[in-house]
């Protein structure tokens, strides 16, 4: 399936909040100590602010007019420091696809839109992150040419005993 991908606009914030629940629920299940249950009104307000941001790029995938997924990308700039070069990159911050539309190319269409737009804006570095439990996302990203860049570790504190 080649999903039709369109830019999100003011007025799409509730739709984005609803679509984000697909990913949020997965994250809540995988890391309940970190994530919160989906609250559409709160998320809609958050998405509204993103849609107004000059560094955010958001697209919605549709199948015959039905919204089935979205992607949120953020443009970043980090000035040169004594440790690093001046750097411009595009981060795919969020992507969610309705489970009924997975494995048919929706995520691919969304990610390719991000890549094409970043390239058109002169940005060659595109990055994303994924929670370690989300192996399905890791496989999909690998098929699209993404490779691990860093590995982040955590040390969970042991509960105190009294």
N, C-alpha and C. Protein backbone atom coordinates (compact mmCIF):
# COMPACT_ATOMS: atom_id res chain seq x y z
N UNK A 1 0.85 -1.19 0.00
CA UNK A 1 0.00 0.00 0.00
C UNK A 1 0.88 1.24 0.00
N UNK A 2 0.56 2.17 -0.82
CA UNK A 2 1.23 3.46 -0.78
C UNK A 2 0.27 4.45 -0.14
N UNK A 3 0.47 4.69 1.14
CA UNK A 3 -0.40 5.62 1.85
C UNK A 3 -0.20 7.02 1.30
N UNK A 4 -1.27 7.78 1.27
CA UNK A 4 -1.17 9.18 0.93
C UNK A 4 -0.68 9.91 2.18
N UNK A 5 0.38 10.67 2.06
CA UNK A 5 0.96 11.37 3.20
C UNK A 5 0.79 12.86 2.97
N UNK A 6 0.20 13.52 3.96
CA UNK A 6 -0.03 14.96 3.86
C UNK A 6 0.54 15.65 5.08
N UNK A 7 0.91 16.92 4.93
CA UNK A 7 1.38 17.66 6.11
C UNK A 7 0.23 17.84 7.11
N UNK A 8 0.55 17.73 8.38
CA UNK A 8 -0.43 18.04 9.42
C UNK A 8 -0.53 19.55 9.53
N UNK A 9 -1.68 20.02 9.97
CA UNK A 9 -1.91 21.46 10.08
C UNK A 9 -2.69 21.76 11.36
N UNK A 10 -2.72 23.03 11.72
CA UNK A 10 -3.55 23.45 12.85
C UNK A 10 -4.95 22.91 12.58
N UNK A 11 -5.52 22.31 13.60
CA UNK A 11 -6.82 21.65 13.46
C UNK A 11 -6.68 20.13 13.48
N UNK A 12 -5.45 19.63 13.25
CA UNK A 12 -5.19 18.18 13.28
C UNK A 12 -4.73 17.70 14.65
N UNK A 13 -4.65 18.59 15.63
CA UNK A 13 -4.06 18.21 16.92
C UNK A 13 -4.81 17.08 17.62
N UNK A 14 -6.13 17.05 17.58
CA UNK A 14 -6.88 15.97 18.23
C UNK A 14 -6.66 14.66 17.48
N UNK A 15 -6.60 14.73 16.18
CA UNK A 15 -6.32 13.56 15.36
C UNK A 15 -4.94 12.99 15.69
N UNK A 16 -3.94 13.85 15.80
CA UNK A 16 -2.59 13.41 16.16
C UNK A 16 -2.57 12.78 17.55
N UNK A 17 -3.28 13.39 18.49
CA UNK A 17 -3.35 12.84 19.84
C UNK A 17 -3.97 11.45 19.82
N UNK A 18 -5.00 11.26 19.03
CA UNK A 18 -5.67 9.97 18.94
C UNK A 18 -4.75 8.93 18.30
N UNK A 19 -4.07 9.31 17.22
CA UNK A 19 -3.15 8.39 16.56
C UNK A 19 -1.97 8.05 17.47
N UNK A 20 -1.52 9.00 18.26
CA UNK A 20 -0.36 8.76 19.12
C UNK A 20 -0.65 7.70 20.17
N UNK A 21 -1.91 7.49 20.49
CA UNK A 21 -2.27 6.49 21.50
C UNK A 21 -1.77 5.10 21.11
N UNK A 22 -1.68 4.80 19.81
CA UNK A 22 -1.18 3.49 19.38
C UNK A 22 0.23 3.25 19.90
N UNK A 23 1.09 4.26 19.79
CA UNK A 23 2.46 4.14 20.29
C UNK A 23 2.51 4.32 21.80
N UNK A 24 1.74 5.27 22.31
CA UNK A 24 1.76 5.53 23.75
C UNK A 24 1.34 4.30 24.54
N UNK A 25 0.33 3.59 24.07
CA UNK A 25 -0.12 2.39 24.77
C UNK A 25 0.97 1.32 24.77
N UNK A 26 1.70 1.19 23.66
CA UNK A 26 2.80 0.24 23.58
C UNK A 26 3.89 0.62 24.57
N UNK A 27 4.20 1.92 24.65
CA UNK A 27 5.22 2.38 25.59
C UNK A 27 4.78 2.21 27.03
N UNK A 28 3.52 2.49 27.30
CA UNK A 28 3.00 2.32 28.65
C UNK A 28 3.09 0.86 29.08
N UNK A 29 2.79 -0.04 28.17
CA UNK A 29 2.89 -1.47 28.48
C UNK A 29 4.34 -1.88 28.72
N UNK A 30 5.26 -1.36 27.91
CA UNK A 30 6.67 -1.73 28.02
C UNK A 30 7.39 -1.08 29.18
N UNK A 31 7.01 0.14 29.53
CA UNK A 31 7.69 0.88 30.60
C UNK A 31 6.69 1.68 31.43
N UNK A 32 5.82 0.99 32.19
CA UNK A 32 4.78 1.69 32.95
C UNK A 32 5.32 2.64 34.02
N UNK A 33 6.55 2.45 34.44
CA UNK A 33 7.13 3.36 35.44
C UNK A 33 7.55 4.69 34.80
N UNK A 34 7.55 4.73 33.48
CA UNK A 34 8.01 5.92 32.78
C UNK A 34 6.87 6.67 32.07
N UNK A 35 5.98 5.93 31.44
CA UNK A 35 4.94 6.54 30.60
C UNK A 35 3.61 6.66 31.31
N UNK A 36 2.80 7.60 30.84
CA UNK A 36 1.48 7.87 31.41
C UNK A 36 0.40 7.40 30.44
N UNK A 37 -0.79 7.08 30.95
CA UNK A 37 -1.91 6.74 30.05
C UNK A 37 -2.24 7.93 29.16
N UNK A 38 -2.75 7.62 27.99
CA UNK A 38 -3.11 8.64 27.01
C UNK A 38 -4.27 9.49 27.51
N UNK A 39 -4.11 10.80 27.43
CA UNK A 39 -5.18 11.75 27.74
C UNK A 39 -5.29 12.68 26.54
N UNK A 40 -6.28 12.42 25.71
CA UNK A 40 -6.41 13.11 24.43
C UNK A 40 -6.39 14.64 24.57
N UNK A 41 -7.16 15.26 25.49
CA UNK A 41 -7.13 16.73 25.57
C UNK A 41 -5.73 17.30 25.87
N UNK A 42 -5.00 16.65 26.78
CA UNK A 42 -3.65 17.12 27.10
C UNK A 42 -2.73 16.97 25.91
N UNK A 43 -2.82 15.83 25.24
CA UNK A 43 -1.97 15.60 24.08
C UNK A 43 -2.33 16.55 22.93
N UNK A 44 -3.61 16.80 22.74
CA UNK A 44 -4.03 17.70 21.67
C UNK A 44 -3.41 19.09 21.87
N UNK A 45 -3.41 19.57 23.09
CA UNK A 45 -2.80 20.88 23.37
C UNK A 45 -1.30 20.84 23.09
N UNK A 46 -0.66 19.73 23.44
CA UNK A 46 0.77 19.58 23.20
C UNK A 46 1.05 19.57 21.70
N UNK A 47 0.25 18.82 20.95
CA UNK A 47 0.45 18.77 19.49
C UNK A 47 0.18 20.13 18.86
N UNK A 48 -0.78 20.85 19.38
CA UNK A 48 -1.06 22.20 18.86
C UNK A 48 0.19 23.06 18.94
N UNK A 49 0.88 23.01 20.09
CA UNK A 49 2.09 23.81 20.23
C UNK A 49 3.17 23.35 19.26
N UNK A 50 3.24 22.07 18.99
CA UNK A 50 4.21 21.57 18.01
C UNK A 50 3.89 22.05 16.60
N UNK A 51 2.62 22.02 16.26
CA UNK A 51 2.22 22.46 14.92
C UNK A 51 2.53 23.94 14.70
N UNK A 52 2.67 24.68 15.78
CA UNK A 52 3.02 26.10 15.70
C UNK A 52 4.53 26.33 15.74
N UNK A 53 5.31 25.29 15.99
CA UNK A 53 6.76 25.42 16.12
C UNK A 53 7.44 25.43 14.75
N UNK A 54 8.39 26.33 14.53
CA UNK A 54 9.09 26.37 13.24
C UNK A 54 10.05 25.20 13.03
N UNK A 55 10.38 24.47 14.09
CA UNK A 55 11.33 23.36 13.94
C UNK A 55 10.64 22.00 13.85
N UNK A 56 9.33 21.96 14.00
CA UNK A 56 8.61 20.68 13.93
C UNK A 56 8.07 20.45 12.52
N UNK A 57 8.12 19.21 12.10
CA UNK A 57 7.54 18.77 10.83
C UNK A 57 6.66 17.57 11.17
N UNK A 58 5.39 17.64 10.79
CA UNK A 58 4.45 16.57 11.13
C UNK A 58 3.66 16.20 9.88
N UNK A 59 3.52 14.90 9.65
CA UNK A 59 2.75 14.41 8.53
C UNK A 59 1.77 13.34 9.00
N UNK A 60 0.68 13.22 8.28
CA UNK A 60 -0.35 12.22 8.56
C UNK A 60 -0.49 11.33 7.33
N UNK A 61 -0.53 10.02 7.56
CA UNK A 61 -0.77 9.06 6.48
C UNK A 61 -2.25 8.72 6.46
N UNK A 62 -2.81 8.67 5.26
CA UNK A 62 -4.22 8.36 5.11
C UNK A 62 -4.41 7.24 4.10
N UNK A 63 -5.40 6.43 4.33
CA UNK A 63 -5.84 5.40 3.40
C UNK A 63 -7.28 5.70 3.04
N UNK A 64 -7.50 6.08 1.80
CA UNK A 64 -8.83 6.51 1.32
C UNK A 64 -9.48 7.51 2.28
N UNK A 65 -8.68 8.50 2.70
CA UNK A 65 -9.18 9.56 3.55
C UNK A 65 -9.20 9.24 5.04
N UNK A 66 -8.92 8.00 5.41
CA UNK A 66 -8.92 7.60 6.82
C UNK A 66 -7.51 7.75 7.39
N UNK A 67 -7.32 8.56 8.45
CA UNK A 67 -5.99 8.71 9.05
C UNK A 67 -5.55 7.39 9.69
N UNK A 68 -4.36 6.92 9.31
CA UNK A 68 -3.89 5.62 9.80
C UNK A 68 -2.52 5.70 10.47
N UNK A 69 -1.87 6.87 10.45
CA UNK A 69 -0.58 7.01 11.10
C UNK A 69 -0.06 8.43 10.98
N UNK A 70 1.00 8.70 11.69
CA UNK A 70 1.62 10.02 11.64
C UNK A 70 3.09 9.89 12.00
N UNK A 71 3.83 10.92 11.65
CA UNK A 71 5.23 11.01 12.06
C UNK A 71 5.50 12.46 12.46
N UNK A 72 6.30 12.61 13.49
CA UNK A 72 6.74 13.91 13.99
C UNK A 72 8.26 13.95 13.89
N UNK A 73 8.77 14.94 13.18
CA UNK A 73 10.21 15.13 13.08
C UNK A 73 10.55 16.52 13.62
N UNK A 74 11.70 16.61 14.25
CA UNK A 74 12.17 17.87 14.83
C UNK A 74 13.52 18.20 14.20
N UNK A 75 13.66 19.44 13.76
CA UNK A 75 14.95 19.91 13.22
C UNK A 75 15.77 20.46 14.37
N UNK A 76 17.03 20.04 14.43
CA UNK A 76 17.92 20.46 15.51
C UNK A 76 19.15 21.15 14.94
N UNK A 77 19.70 22.07 15.72
CA UNK A 77 20.98 22.68 15.41
C UNK A 77 21.79 22.77 16.69
N UNK A 78 23.01 22.27 16.64
CA UNK A 78 23.92 22.35 17.77
C UNK A 78 25.18 23.07 17.30
N UNK A 79 25.48 24.24 17.85
CA UNK A 79 26.69 24.95 17.42
C UNK A 79 27.95 24.17 17.79
N UNK A 80 29.01 24.48 17.12
CA UNK A 80 30.30 23.86 17.40
C UNK A 80 30.69 24.10 18.86
N UNK A 81 31.30 23.09 19.45
CA UNK A 81 31.85 23.20 20.81
C UNK A 81 33.30 22.70 20.74
N UNK A 82 34.03 22.78 21.84
CA UNK A 82 35.39 22.20 21.83
C UNK A 82 35.37 20.68 21.56
N UNK A 83 34.22 20.05 21.74
CA UNK A 83 34.14 18.60 21.57
C UNK A 83 33.52 18.17 20.24
N UNK A 84 32.62 18.98 19.69
CA UNK A 84 31.86 18.55 18.52
C UNK A 84 31.83 19.60 17.42
N UNK A 85 31.58 19.13 16.23
CA UNK A 85 31.41 20.00 15.08
C UNK A 85 30.03 20.67 15.15
N UNK A 86 29.87 21.76 14.42
CA UNK A 86 28.55 22.36 14.22
C UNK A 86 27.68 21.29 13.57
N UNK A 87 26.47 21.15 14.03
CA UNK A 87 25.67 20.02 13.55
C UNK A 87 24.22 20.41 13.35
N UNK A 88 23.68 20.05 12.20
CA UNK A 88 22.26 20.18 11.89
C UNK A 88 21.76 18.76 11.63
N UNK A 89 20.63 18.40 12.24
CA UNK A 89 20.08 17.08 11.97
C UNK A 89 18.57 17.10 12.16
N UNK A 90 17.96 16.08 11.63
CA UNK A 90 16.52 15.88 11.74
C UNK A 90 16.30 14.65 12.58
N UNK A 91 15.49 14.79 13.61
CA UNK A 91 15.20 13.66 14.50
C UNK A 91 13.75 13.22 14.29
N UNK A 92 13.57 11.97 13.94
CA UNK A 92 12.22 11.41 13.91
C UNK A 92 11.89 11.12 15.37
N UNK A 93 11.06 11.98 15.93
CA UNK A 93 10.77 11.93 17.37
C UNK A 93 9.63 10.96 17.68
N UNK A 94 8.65 10.89 16.82
CA UNK A 94 7.50 10.01 17.05
C UNK A 94 6.99 9.47 15.73
N UNK A 95 6.54 8.23 15.78
CA UNK A 95 5.84 7.64 14.64
C UNK A 95 4.86 6.63 15.22
N UNK A 96 3.66 6.65 14.69
CA UNK A 96 2.65 5.69 15.13
C UNK A 96 1.79 5.31 13.94
N UNK A 97 1.46 4.02 13.88
CA UNK A 97 0.60 3.51 12.82
C UNK A 97 -0.47 2.65 13.48
N UNK A 98 -1.70 2.83 13.04
CA UNK A 98 -2.82 2.01 13.49
C UNK A 98 -2.43 0.54 13.30
N UNK A 99 -2.57 -0.30 14.33
CA UNK A 99 -2.18 -1.71 14.20
C UNK A 99 -2.84 -2.42 13.01
N UNK A 100 -4.01 -1.99 12.60
CA UNK A 100 -4.68 -2.61 11.45
C UNK A 100 -4.01 -2.25 10.12
N UNK A 101 -3.08 -1.31 10.14
CA UNK A 101 -2.42 -0.85 8.92
C UNK A 101 -0.90 -1.06 8.99
N UNK A 102 -0.45 -1.90 9.89
CA UNK A 102 0.99 -2.15 10.00
C UNK A 102 1.41 -3.21 8.99
N UNK A 103 2.68 -3.14 8.65
CA UNK A 103 3.32 -4.10 7.74
C UNK A 103 2.80 -4.02 6.31
N UNK A 104 2.30 -2.84 5.94
CA UNK A 104 1.86 -2.65 4.55
C UNK A 104 2.47 -1.38 3.95
N UNK A 105 3.46 -0.81 4.62
CA UNK A 105 4.19 0.31 4.05
C UNK A 105 3.83 1.69 4.56
N UNK A 106 2.95 1.79 5.55
CA UNK A 106 2.56 3.11 6.06
C UNK A 106 3.75 3.79 6.74
N UNK A 107 4.41 3.11 7.66
CA UNK A 107 5.57 3.70 8.35
C UNK A 107 6.66 4.04 7.34
N UNK A 108 6.87 3.17 6.37
CA UNK A 108 7.86 3.43 5.33
C UNK A 108 7.54 4.73 4.60
N UNK A 109 6.28 4.90 4.20
CA UNK A 109 5.87 6.12 3.50
C UNK A 109 6.12 7.36 4.35
N UNK A 110 5.80 7.27 5.64
CA UNK A 110 6.00 8.40 6.54
C UNK A 110 7.48 8.73 6.70
N UNK A 111 8.30 7.72 6.91
CA UNK A 111 9.73 7.95 7.11
C UNK A 111 10.38 8.47 5.82
N UNK A 112 9.98 7.93 4.69
CA UNK A 112 10.54 8.43 3.42
C UNK A 112 10.16 9.89 3.19
N UNK A 113 8.99 10.31 3.66
CA UNK A 113 8.59 11.71 3.56
C UNK A 113 9.52 12.58 4.42
N UNK A 114 9.83 12.12 5.62
CA UNK A 114 10.76 12.85 6.48
C UNK A 114 12.12 12.98 5.80
N UNK A 115 12.61 11.87 5.27
CA UNK A 115 13.92 11.86 4.62
C UNK A 115 13.93 12.83 3.44
N UNK A 116 12.93 12.76 2.59
CA UNK A 116 12.88 13.63 1.41
C UNK A 116 12.81 15.10 1.80
N UNK A 117 12.02 15.42 2.81
CA UNK A 117 11.88 16.80 3.25
C UNK A 117 13.18 17.31 3.88
N UNK A 118 13.81 16.48 4.70
CA UNK A 118 15.09 16.88 5.31
C UNK A 118 16.13 17.14 4.23
N UNK A 119 16.21 16.25 3.26
CA UNK A 119 17.18 16.43 2.17
C UNK A 119 16.89 17.72 1.41
N UNK A 120 15.62 17.99 1.15
CA UNK A 120 15.24 19.22 0.43
C UNK A 120 15.61 20.46 1.23
N UNK A 121 15.67 20.34 2.56
CA UNK A 121 16.06 21.46 3.42
C UNK A 121 17.57 21.47 3.69
N UNK A 122 18.31 20.60 2.99
CA UNK A 122 19.77 20.58 3.12
C UNK A 122 20.28 19.81 4.32
N UNK A 123 19.45 19.01 4.93
CA UNK A 123 19.86 18.24 6.11
C UNK A 123 20.13 16.80 5.68
N UNK A 124 21.33 16.33 5.96
CA UNK A 124 21.70 14.97 5.55
C UNK A 124 21.64 13.96 6.70
N UNK A 125 21.76 14.45 7.93
CA UNK A 125 21.72 13.53 9.08
C UNK A 125 20.29 13.38 9.58
N UNK A 126 19.83 12.15 9.62
CA UNK A 126 18.50 11.84 10.13
C UNK A 126 18.66 10.77 11.19
N UNK A 127 18.09 11.03 12.36
CA UNK A 127 18.24 10.12 13.49
C UNK A 127 16.88 9.83 14.11
N UNK A 128 16.83 8.74 14.84
CA UNK A 128 15.66 8.41 15.64
C UNK A 128 16.13 7.54 16.79
N UNK A 129 15.28 7.38 17.76
CA UNK A 129 15.57 6.51 18.90
C UNK A 129 14.38 5.60 19.11
N UNK A 130 14.65 4.48 19.74
CA UNK A 130 13.58 3.52 20.02
C UNK A 130 13.89 2.82 21.33
N UNK A 131 12.87 2.57 22.10
CA UNK A 131 13.05 1.84 23.35
C UNK A 131 13.54 0.43 23.05
N UNK A 132 14.37 -0.10 23.92
CA UNK A 132 14.99 -1.41 23.68
C UNK A 132 13.96 -2.53 23.53
N UNK A 133 12.80 -2.40 24.13
CA UNK A 133 11.80 -3.46 24.03
C UNK A 133 11.07 -3.47 22.68
N UNK A 134 11.20 -2.42 21.89
CA UNK A 134 10.43 -2.29 20.66
C UNK A 134 11.18 -2.89 19.47
N UNK A 135 11.33 -4.20 19.49
CA UNK A 135 12.09 -4.89 18.45
C UNK A 135 11.45 -4.76 17.07
N UNK A 136 10.15 -4.65 17.01
CA UNK A 136 9.48 -4.48 15.71
C UNK A 136 9.94 -3.17 15.05
N UNK A 137 10.05 -2.12 15.84
CA UNK A 137 10.53 -0.84 15.30
C UNK A 137 11.99 -0.96 14.87
N UNK A 138 12.81 -1.65 15.64
CA UNK A 138 14.22 -1.81 15.30
C UNK A 138 14.37 -2.50 13.94
N UNK A 139 13.58 -3.53 13.73
CA UNK A 139 13.64 -4.26 12.46
C UNK A 139 13.18 -3.37 11.30
N UNK A 140 12.10 -2.64 11.50
CA UNK A 140 11.59 -1.76 10.45
C UNK A 140 12.62 -0.68 10.11
N UNK A 141 13.23 -0.10 11.13
CA UNK A 141 14.24 0.94 10.89
C UNK A 141 15.45 0.36 10.16
N UNK A 142 15.85 -0.85 10.52
CA UNK A 142 16.96 -1.50 9.84
C UNK A 142 16.66 -1.72 8.36
N UNK A 143 15.43 -2.12 8.05
CA UNK A 143 15.05 -2.32 6.64
C UNK A 143 15.10 -1.01 5.86
N UNK A 144 14.96 0.12 6.54
CA UNK A 144 15.01 1.42 5.89
C UNK A 144 16.42 2.02 5.87
N UNK A 145 17.40 1.26 6.35
CA UNK A 145 18.78 1.71 6.29
C UNK A 145 19.32 2.36 7.54
N UNK A 146 18.51 2.47 8.58
CA UNK A 146 18.99 3.04 9.84
C UNK A 146 19.87 2.01 10.55
N UNK A 147 20.89 2.49 11.23
CA UNK A 147 21.79 1.63 11.98
C UNK A 147 21.98 2.22 13.38
N UNK A 148 22.23 1.39 14.37
CA UNK A 148 22.46 1.92 15.72
C UNK A 148 23.62 2.91 15.72
N UNK A 149 23.45 3.97 16.48
CA UNK A 149 24.47 5.01 16.59
C UNK A 149 25.07 5.03 17.99
N UNK A 150 24.22 5.02 19.00
CA UNK A 150 24.67 4.97 20.38
C UNK A 150 23.81 3.95 21.10
N UNK A 151 24.28 3.50 22.22
CA UNK A 151 23.49 2.62 23.07
C UNK A 151 23.43 3.30 24.43
N UNK A 152 22.25 3.46 24.96
CA UNK A 152 22.06 4.12 26.25
C UNK A 152 21.75 3.05 27.29
N UNK A 153 22.42 3.12 28.42
CA UNK A 153 22.24 2.15 29.48
C UNK A 153 21.59 2.82 30.68
N UNK A 154 20.95 2.02 31.50
CA UNK A 154 20.40 2.54 32.75
C UNK A 154 20.72 1.58 33.88
N UNK A 155 20.80 2.12 35.05
CA UNK A 155 20.97 1.33 36.26
C UNK A 155 19.78 1.66 37.13
N UNK A 156 18.90 0.69 37.27
CA UNK A 156 17.73 0.92 38.10
C UNK A 156 18.11 0.76 39.56
N UNK A 157 17.68 1.70 40.35
CA UNK A 157 17.97 1.66 41.79
C UNK A 157 17.21 0.50 42.42
N UNK A 158 17.88 -0.16 43.32
CA UNK A 158 17.22 -1.24 44.06
C UNK A 158 16.26 -0.61 45.06
N UNK A 159 15.07 -1.20 45.22
CA UNK A 159 14.15 -0.65 46.22
C UNK A 159 14.76 -0.74 47.62
N UNK A 160 14.55 0.32 48.37
CA UNK A 160 15.07 0.31 49.73
C UNK A 160 14.24 -0.63 50.59
N UNK A 161 14.93 -1.40 51.42
CA UNK A 161 14.25 -2.29 52.36
C UNK A 161 14.34 -1.70 53.75
N UNK A 162 13.31 -1.87 54.50
CA UNK A 162 13.32 -1.30 55.86
C UNK A 162 13.44 -2.36 56.89
